[in-house]
Amino acid sequence: MAFRMLSPIRAIETIATGSGIRELARLRKLYGLGRWRKRKGIAEVRLHSGDIVTAEIHWYEAGNVGKKEFKIKRLL
């Protein structure tokens, strides 16, 4: 789902770290080594249709790589 974040992400939580991430091998291959975490938070987003909604966002993050692969998990 294509979207653009309009507000900073708030209520950030870590869902999984290290070997608890199913996609860890793929992330390391694409972006490099790092202490990978799967995280979630809430933000205001603009959908491709132009609607502005509050959504739960999930992404992967590593300190030396940054935030990668944002996705909307559900609309709130």
PDB file of N, CA and C in Angstrom:
ATOM      1  N   MET A   1       0.848  -1.170   0.000  1.00  0.00           N
ATOM      2  CA  MET A   1       0.000   0.000   0.000  1.00  0.00           C
ATOM      3  C   MET A   1       0.898   1.239   0.000  1.00  0.00           C
ATOM      4  N   ALA A   2       0.741   2.098  -0.966  1.00  0.00           N
ATOM      5  CA  ALA A   2       1.546   3.307  -1.067  1.00  0.00           C
ATOM      6  C   ALA A   2       1.012   4.361  -0.093  1.00  0.00           C
ATOM      7  N   PHE A   3       1.919   5.005   0.638  1.00  0.00           N
ATOM      8  CA  PHE A   3       1.513   6.027   1.594  1.00  0.00           C
ATOM      9  C   PHE A   3       2.666   6.983   1.864  1.00  0.00           C
ATOM     10  N   ARG A   4       2.314   8.124   2.470  1.00  0.00           N
ATOM     11  CA  ARG A   4       3.312   9.114   2.875  1.00  0.00           C
ATOM     12  C   ARG A   4       3.016   9.500   4.315  1.00  0.00           C
ATOM     13  N   MET A   5       4.033   9.468   5.166  1.00  0.00           N
ATOM     14  CA  MET A   5       3.840   9.820   6.565  1.00  0.00           C
ATOM     15  C   MET A   5       3.732  11.331   6.716  1.00  0.00           C
ATOM     16  N   LEU A   6       2.726  11.772   7.453  1.00  0.00           N
ATOM     17  CA  LEU A   6       2.491  13.188   7.662  1.00  0.00           C
ATOM     18  C   LEU A   6       2.915  13.649   9.052  1.00  0.00           C
ATOM     19  N   SER A   7       3.041  12.726   9.996  1.00  0.00           N
ATOM     20  CA  SER A   7       3.423  13.073  11.364  1.00  0.00           C
ATOM     21  C   SER A   7       4.567  12.163  11.813  1.00  0.00           C
ATOM     22  N   PRO A   8       5.278  12.586  12.841  1.00  0.00           N
ATOM     23  CA  PRO A   8       6.301  11.699  13.406  1.00  0.00           C
ATOM     24  C   PRO A   8       5.646  10.435  13.970  1.00  0.00           C
ATOM     25  N   ILE A   9       6.394   9.364  14.010  1.00  0.00           N
ATOM     26  CA  ILE A   9       5.890   8.109  14.563  1.00  0.00           C
ATOM     27  C   ILE A   9       5.908   8.221  16.085  1.00  0.00           C
ATOM     28  N   ARG A  10       4.813   7.821  16.720  1.00  0.00           N
ATOM     29  CA  ARG A  10       4.733   7.874  18.181  1.00  0.00           C
ATOM     30  C   ARG A  10       4.393   6.490  18.727  1.00  0.00           C
ATOM     31  N   ALA A  11       4.483   6.331  20.019  1.00  0.00           N
ATOM     32  CA  ALA A  11       4.184   5.058  20.693  1.00  0.00           C
ATOM     33  C   ALA A  11       4.999   3.921  20.076  1.00  0.00           C
ATOM     34  N   ILE A  12       6.288   4.146  19.900  1.00  0.00           N
ATOM     35  CA  ILE A  12       7.160   3.158  19.257  1.00  0.00           C
ATOM     36  C   ILE A  12       7.452   2.014  20.219  1.00  0.00           C
ATOM     37  N   GLU A  13       7.324   0.792  19.706  1.00  0.00           N
ATOM     38  CA  GLU A  13       7.626  -0.422  20.469  1.00  0.00           C
ATOM     39  C   GLU A  13       8.479  -1.347  19.623  1.00  0.00           C
ATOM     40  N   THR A  14       9.338  -2.114  20.272  1.00  0.00           N
ATOM     41  CA  THR A  14      10.108  -3.147  19.588  1.00  0.00           C
ATOM     42  C   THR A  14       9.308  -4.438  19.635  1.00  0.00           C
ATOM     43  N   ILE A  15       9.122  -5.050  18.463  1.00  0.00           N
ATOM     44  CA  ILE A  15       8.360  -6.300  18.362  1.00  0.00           C
ATOM     45  C   ILE A  15       9.299  -7.502  18.474  1.00  0.00           C
ATOM     46  N   ALA A  16      10.447  -7.426  17.772  1.00  0.00           N
ATOM     47  CA  ALA A  16      11.392  -8.551  17.763  1.00  0.00           C
ATOM     48  C   ALA A  16      12.801  -8.020  17.557  1.00  0.00           C
ATOM     49  N   THR A  17      13.787  -8.780  18.029  1.00  0.00           N
ATOM     50  CA  THR A  17      15.192  -8.415  17.841  1.00  0.00           C
ATOM     51  C   THR A  17      15.982  -9.645  17.413  1.00  0.00           C
ATOM     52  N   GLY A  18      17.081  -9.402  16.738  1.00  0.00           N
ATOM     53  CA  GLY A  18      18.023 -10.462  16.376  1.00  0.00           C
ATOM     54  C   GLY A  18      17.381 -11.653  15.700  1.00  0.00           C
ATOM     55  N   SER A  19      17.646 -12.839  16.238  1.00  0.00           N
ATOM     56  CA  SER A  19      17.166 -14.071  15.604  1.00  0.00           C
ATOM     57  C   SER A  19      15.651 -14.230  15.688  1.00  0.00           C
ATOM     58  N   GLY A  20      14.969 -13.395  16.456  1.00  0.00           N
ATOM     59  CA  GLY A  20      13.513 -13.423  16.527  1.00  0.00           C
ATOM     60  C   GLY A  20      12.854 -12.850  15.279  1.00  0.00           C
ATOM     61  N   ILE A  21      13.651 -12.230  14.407  1.00  0.00           N
ATOM     62  CA  ILE A  21      13.134 -11.661  13.163  1.00  0.00           C
ATOM     63  C   ILE A  21      13.212 -12.721  12.074  1.00  0.00           C
ATOM     64  N   ARG A  22      12.078 -13.062  11.486  1.00  0.00           N
ATOM     65  CA  ARG A  22      12.035 -14.097  10.450  1.00  0.00           C
ATOM     66  C   ARG A  22      12.830 -13.702   9.213  1.00  0.00           C
ATOM     67  N   GLU A  23      12.889 -12.428   8.903  1.00  0.00           N
ATOM     68  CA  GLU A  23      13.519 -11.923   7.681  1.00  0.00           C
ATOM     69  C   GLU A  23      14.983 -11.525   7.893  1.00  0.00           C
ATOM     70  N   LEU A  24      15.603 -11.947   8.954  1.00  0.00           N
ATOM     71  CA  LEU A  24      16.940 -11.478   9.316  1.00  0.00           C
ATOM     72  C   LEU A  24      17.982 -11.743   8.230  1.00  0.00           C
ATOM     73  N   ALA A  25      17.991 -12.917   7.655  1.00  0.00           N
ATOM     74  CA  ALA A  25      18.979 -13.239   6.607  1.00  0.00           C
ATOM     75  C   ALA A  25      18.796 -12.325   5.392  1.00  0.00           C
ATOM     76  N   ARG A  26      17.566 -12.093   5.009  1.00  0.00           N
ATOM     77  CA  ARG A  26      17.292 -11.219   3.860  1.00  0.00           C
ATOM     78  C   ARG A  26      17.706  -9.782   4.154  1.00  0.00           C
ATOM     79  N   LEU A  27      17.409  -9.298   5.351  1.00  0.00           N
ATOM     80  CA  LEU A  27      17.789  -7.936   5.724  1.00  0.00           C
ATOM     81  C   LEU A  27      19.304  -7.760   5.701  1.00  0.00           C
ATOM     82  N   ARG A  28      20.022  -8.734   6.248  1.00  0.00           N
ATOM     83  CA  ARG A  28      21.490  -8.653   6.261  1.00  0.00           C
ATOM     84  C   ARG A  28      22.062  -8.696   4.851  1.00  0.00           C
ATOM     85  N   LYS A  29      21.454  -9.487   3.991  1.00  0.00           N
ATOM     86  CA  LYS A  29      21.928  -9.581   2.611  1.00  0.00           C
ATOM     87  C   LYS A  29      21.686  -8.274   1.854  1.00  0.00           C
ATOM     88  N   LEU A  30      20.520  -7.671   2.042  1.00  0.00           N
ATOM     89  CA  LEU A  30      20.172  -6.433   1.332  1.00  0.00           C
ATOM     90  C   LEU A  30      20.867  -5.199   1.886  1.00  0.00           C
ATOM     91  N   TYR A  31      20.881  -5.052   3.221  1.00  0.00           N
ATOM     92  CA  TYR A  31      21.312  -3.799   3.840  1.00  0.00           C
ATOM     93  C   TYR A  31      22.597  -3.901   4.655  1.00  0.00           C
ATOM     94  N   GLY A  32      23.050  -5.113   4.966  1.00  0.00           N
ATOM     95  CA  GLY A  32      24.282  -5.273   5.719  1.00  0.00           C
ATOM     96  C   GLY A  32      24.039  -5.697   7.158  1.00  0.00           C
ATOM     97  N   LEU A  33      25.146  -5.959   7.831  1.00  0.00           N
ATOM     98  CA  LEU A  33      25.081  -6.397   9.221  1.00  0.00           C
ATOM     99  C   LEU A  33      24.657  -5.249  10.114  1.00  0.00           C
ATOM    100  N   GLY A  34      24.107  -5.599  11.231  1.00  0.00           N
ATOM    101  CA  GLY A  34      23.680  -4.611  12.211  1.00  0.00           C
ATOM    102  C   GLY A  34      22.815  -5.276  13.258  1.00  0.00           C
ATOM    103  N   ARG A  35      22.500  -4.541  14.289  1.00  0.00           N
ATOM    104  CA  ARG A  35      21.609  -5.054  15.331  1.00  0.00           C
ATOM    105  C   ARG A  35      20.181  -4.746  14.893  1.00  0.00           C
ATOM    106  N   TRP A  36      19.576  -5.684  14.165  1.00  0.00           N
ATOM    107  CA  TRP A  36      18.271  -5.468  13.561  1.00  0.00           C
ATOM    108  C   TRP A  36      17.156  -5.617  14.581  1.00  0.00           C
ATOM    109  N   ARG A  37      16.163  -4.736  14.463  1.00  0.00           N
ATOM    110  CA  ARG A  37      14.968  -4.778  15.287  1.00  0.00           C
ATOM    111  C   ARG A  37      13.749  -4.604  14.397  1.00  0.00           C
ATOM    112  N   LYS A  38      12.676  -5.300  14.720  1.00  0.00           N
ATOM    113  CA  LYS A  38      11.399  -5.049  14.056  1.00  0.00           C
ATOM    114  C   LYS A  38      10.618  -4.172  15.017  1.00  0.00           C
ATOM    115  N   ARG A  39      10.111  -3.023  14.523  1.00  0.00           N
ATOM    116  CA  ARG A  39       9.469  -2.052  15.388  1.00  0.00           C
ATOM    117  C   ARG A  39       8.087  -1.684  14.861  1.00  0.00           C
ATOM    118  N   LYS A  40       7.283  -1.112  15.746  1.00  0.00           N
ATOM    119  CA  LYS A  40       5.964  -0.634  15.346  1.00  0.00           C
ATOM    120  C   LYS A  40       5.662   0.674  16.055  1.00  0.00           C
ATOM    121  N   GLY A  41       4.792   1.458  15.430  1.00  0.00           N
ATOM    122  CA  GLY A  41       4.386   2.731  16.004  1.00  0.00           C
ATOM    123  C   GLY A  41       3.136   3.227  15.305  1.00  0.00           C
ATOM    124  N   ILE A  42       2.675   4.401  15.722  1.00  0.00           N
ATOM    125  CA  ILE A  42       1.451   4.969  15.173  1.00  0.00           C
ATOM    126  C   ILE A  42       1.772   6.317  14.548  1.00  0.00           C
ATOM    127  N   ALA A  43       1.198   6.578  13.364  1.00  0.00           N
ATOM    128  CA  ALA A  43       1.434   7.841  12.667  1.00  0.00           C
ATOM    129  C   ALA A  43       0.242   8.197  11.791  1.00  0.00           C
ATOM    130  N   GLU A  44       0.139   9.483  11.483  1.00  0.00           N
ATOM    131  CA  GLU A  44      -0.840   9.959  10.508  1.00  0.00           C
ATOM    132  C   GLU A  44      -0.221   9.768   9.128  1.00  0.00           C
ATOM    133  N   VAL A  45      -0.972   9.183   8.209  1.00  0.00           N
ATOM    134  CA  VAL A  45      -0.453   8.927   6.867  1.00  0.00           C
ATOM    135  C   VAL A  45      -1.460   9.374   5.811  1.00  0.00           C
ATOM    136  N   ARG A  46      -0.941   9.700   4.649  1.00  0.00           N
ATOM    137  CA  ARG A  46      -1.784   9.999   3.488  1.00  0.00           C
ATOM    138  C   ARG A  46      -1.689   8.816   2.549  1.00  0.00           C
ATOM    139  N   LEU A  47      -2.813   8.177   2.281  1.00  0.00           N
ATOM    140  CA  LEU A  47      -2.858   7.031   1.387  1.00  0.00           C
ATOM    141  C   LEU A  47      -2.791   7.490  -0.064  1.00  0.00           C
ATOM    142  N   HIS A  48      -2.550   6.560  -0.967  1.00  0.00           N
ATOM    143  CA  HIS A  48      -2.484   6.852  -2.398  1.00  0.00           C
ATOM    144  C   HIS A  48      -3.776   7.505  -2.887  1.00  0.00           C
ATOM    145  N   SER A  49      -4.896   7.151  -2.276  1.00  0.00           N
ATOM    146  CA  SER A  49      -6.195   7.706  -2.666  1.00  0.00           C
ATOM    147  C   SER A  49      -6.375   9.153  -2.214  1.00  0.00           C
ATOM    148  N   GLY A  50      -5.481   9.642  -1.338  1.00  0.00           N
ATOM    149  CA  GLY A  50      -5.580  11.006  -0.832  1.00  0.00           C
ATOM    150  C   GLY A  50      -6.180  11.095   0.559  1.00  0.00           C
ATOM    151  N   ASP A  51      -6.728  10.008   1.068  1.00  0.00           N
ATOM    152  CA  ASP A  51      -7.309   9.989   2.414  1.00  0.00           C
ATOM    153  C   ASP A  51      -6.204  10.115   3.461  1.00  0.00           C
ATOM    154  N   ILE A  52      -6.479  10.864   4.527  1.00  0.00           N
ATOM    155  CA  ILE A  52      -5.552  10.988   5.646  1.00  0.00           C
ATOM    156  C   ILE A  52      -6.119  10.174   6.797  1.00  0.00           C
ATOM    157  N   VAL A  53      -5.326   9.221   7.291  1.00  0.00           N
ATOM    158  CA  VAL A  53      -5.780   8.306   8.336  1.00  0.00           C
ATOM    159  C   VAL A  53      -4.676   8.096   9.368  1.00  0.00           C
ATOM    160  N   THR A  54      -5.062   7.584  10.526  1.00  0.00           N
ATOM    161  CA  THR A  54      -4.112   7.141  11.539  1.00  0.00           C
ATOM    162  C   THR A  54      -3.871   5.656  11.301  1.00  0.00           C
ATOM    163  N   ALA A  55      -2.598   5.256  11.300  1.00  0.00           N
ATOM    164  CA  ALA A  55      -2.290   3.861  10.990  1.00  0.00           C
ATOM    165  C   ALA A  55      -1.196   3.323  11.903  1.00  0.00           C
ATOM    166  N   GLU A  56      -1.222   2.009  12.088  1.00  0.00           N
ATOM    167  CA  GLU A  56      -0.125   1.320  12.772  1.00  0.00           C
ATOM    168  C   GLU A  56       0.903   0.974  11.706  1.00  0.00           C
ATOM    169  N   ILE A  57       2.125   1.445  11.904  1.00  0.00           N
ATOM    170  CA  ILE A  57       3.208   1.268  10.942  1.00  0.00           C
ATOM    171  C   ILE A  57       4.218   0.266  11.505  1.00  0.00           C
ATOM    172  N   HIS A  58       4.691  -0.652  10.680  1.00  0.00           N
ATOM    173  CA  HIS A  58       5.762  -1.574  11.055  1.00  0.00           C
ATOM    174  C   HIS A  58       6.956  -1.317  10.154  1.00  0.00           C
ATOM    175  N   TRP A  59       8.175  -1.506  10.691  1.00  0.00           N
ATOM    176  CA  TRP A  59       9.394  -1.342   9.908  1.00  0.00           C
ATOM    177  C   TRP A  59      10.537  -2.084  10.576  1.00  0.00           C
ATOM    178  N   TYR A  60      11.639  -2.216   9.837  1.00  0.00           N
ATOM    179  CA  TYR A  60      12.868  -2.803  10.362  1.00  0.00           C
ATOM    180  C   TYR A  60      13.868  -1.680  10.568  1.00  0.00           C
ATOM    181  N   GLU A  61      14.723  -1.821  11.590  1.00  0.00           N
ATOM    182  CA  GLU A  61      15.660  -0.756  11.910  1.00  0.00           C
ATOM    183  C   GLU A  61      16.954  -1.344  12.460  1.00  0.00           C
ATOM    184  N   ALA A  62      18.073  -0.782  12.024  1.00  0.00           N
ATOM    185  CA  ALA A  62      19.383  -1.113  12.579  1.00  0.00           C
ATOM    186  C   ALA A  62      20.132   0.201  12.752  1.00  0.00           C
ATOM    187  N   GLY A  63      20.915   0.308  13.809  1.00  0.00           N
ATOM    188  CA  GLY A  63      21.592   1.551  14.129  1.00  0.00           C
ATOM    189  C   GLY A  63      22.467   2.100  13.019  1.00  0.00           C
ATOM    190  N   ASN A  64      23.248   1.253  12.388  1.00  0.00           N
ATOM    191  CA  ASN A  64      24.169   1.721  11.346  1.00  0.00           C
ATOM    192  C   ASN A  64      23.516   1.790   9.963  1.00  0.00           C
ATOM    193  N   VAL A  65      22.297   1.297   9.819  1.00  0.00           N
ATOM    194  CA  VAL A  65      21.618   1.254   8.524  1.00  0.00           C
ATOM    195  C   VAL A  65      20.450   2.238   8.477  1.00  0.00           C
ATOM    196  N   GLY A  66      19.708   2.355   9.561  1.00  0.00           N
ATOM    197  CA  GLY A  66      18.543   3.227   9.610  1.00  0.00           C
ATOM    198  C   GLY A  66      17.247   2.444   9.503  1.00  0.00           C
ATOM    199  N   LYS A  67      16.152   3.170   9.277  1.00  0.00           N
ATOM    200  CA  LYS A  67      14.823   2.555   9.180  1.00  0.00           C
ATOM    201  C   LYS A  67      14.569   2.118   7.745  1.00  0.00           C
ATOM    202  N   LYS A  68      14.063   0.894   7.583  1.00  0.00           N
ATOM    203  CA  LYS A  68      13.832   0.327   6.249  1.00  0.00           C
ATOM    204  C   LYS A  68      12.487  -0.374   6.195  1.00  0.00           C
ATOM    205  N   GLU A  69      11.914  -0.413   5.007  1.00  0.00           N
ATOM    206  CA  GLU A  69      10.730  -1.224   4.670  1.00  0.00           C
ATOM    207  C   GLU A  69       9.505  -0.918   5.535  1.00  0.00           C
ATOM    208  N   PHE A  70       9.055   0.320   5.476  1.00  0.00           N
ATOM    209  CA  PHE A  70       7.839   0.708   6.193  1.00  0.00           C
ATOM    210  C   PHE A  70       6.626   0.063   5.542  1.00  0.00           C
ATOM    211  N   LYS A  71       5.670  -0.349   6.373  1.00  0.00           N
ATOM    212  CA  LYS A  71       4.410  -0.879   5.849  1.00  0.00           C
ATOM    213  C   LYS A  71       3.286  -0.561   6.836  1.00  0.00           C
ATOM    214  N   ILE A  72       2.101  -0.383   6.279  1.00  0.00           N
ATOM    215  CA  ILE A  72       0.925  -0.187   7.128  1.00  0.00           C
ATOM    216  C   ILE A  72       0.396  -1.546   7.519  1.00  0.00           C
ATOM    217  N   LYS A  73       0.305  -1.782   8.812  1.00  0.00           N
ATOM    218  CA  LYS A  73      -0.205  -3.051   9.289  1.00  0.00           C
ATOM    219  C   LYS A  73      -1.728  -3.000   9.455  1.00  0.00           C
ATOM    220  N   ARG A  74      -2.230  -1.873   9.971  1.00  0.00           N
ATOM    221  CA  ARG A  74      -3.682  -1.719  10.068  1.00  0.00           C
ATOM    222  C   ARG A  74      -4.038  -0.247  10.231  1.00  0.00           C
ATOM    223  N   LEU A  75      -5.236   0.093   9.808  1.00  0.00           N
ATOM    224  CA  LEU A  75      -5.740   1.450   9.958  1.00  0.00           C
ATOM    225  C   LEU A  75      -6.466   1.555  11.291  1.00  0.00           C
ATOM    226  N   LEU A  76      -6.276   2.655  11.972  1.00  0.00           N
ATOM    227  CA  LEU A  76      -6.900   2.840  13.292  1.00  0.00           C
ATOM    228  C   LEU A  76      -8.061   3.811  13.221  1.00  0.00           C
TER     229      LEU A  76
END
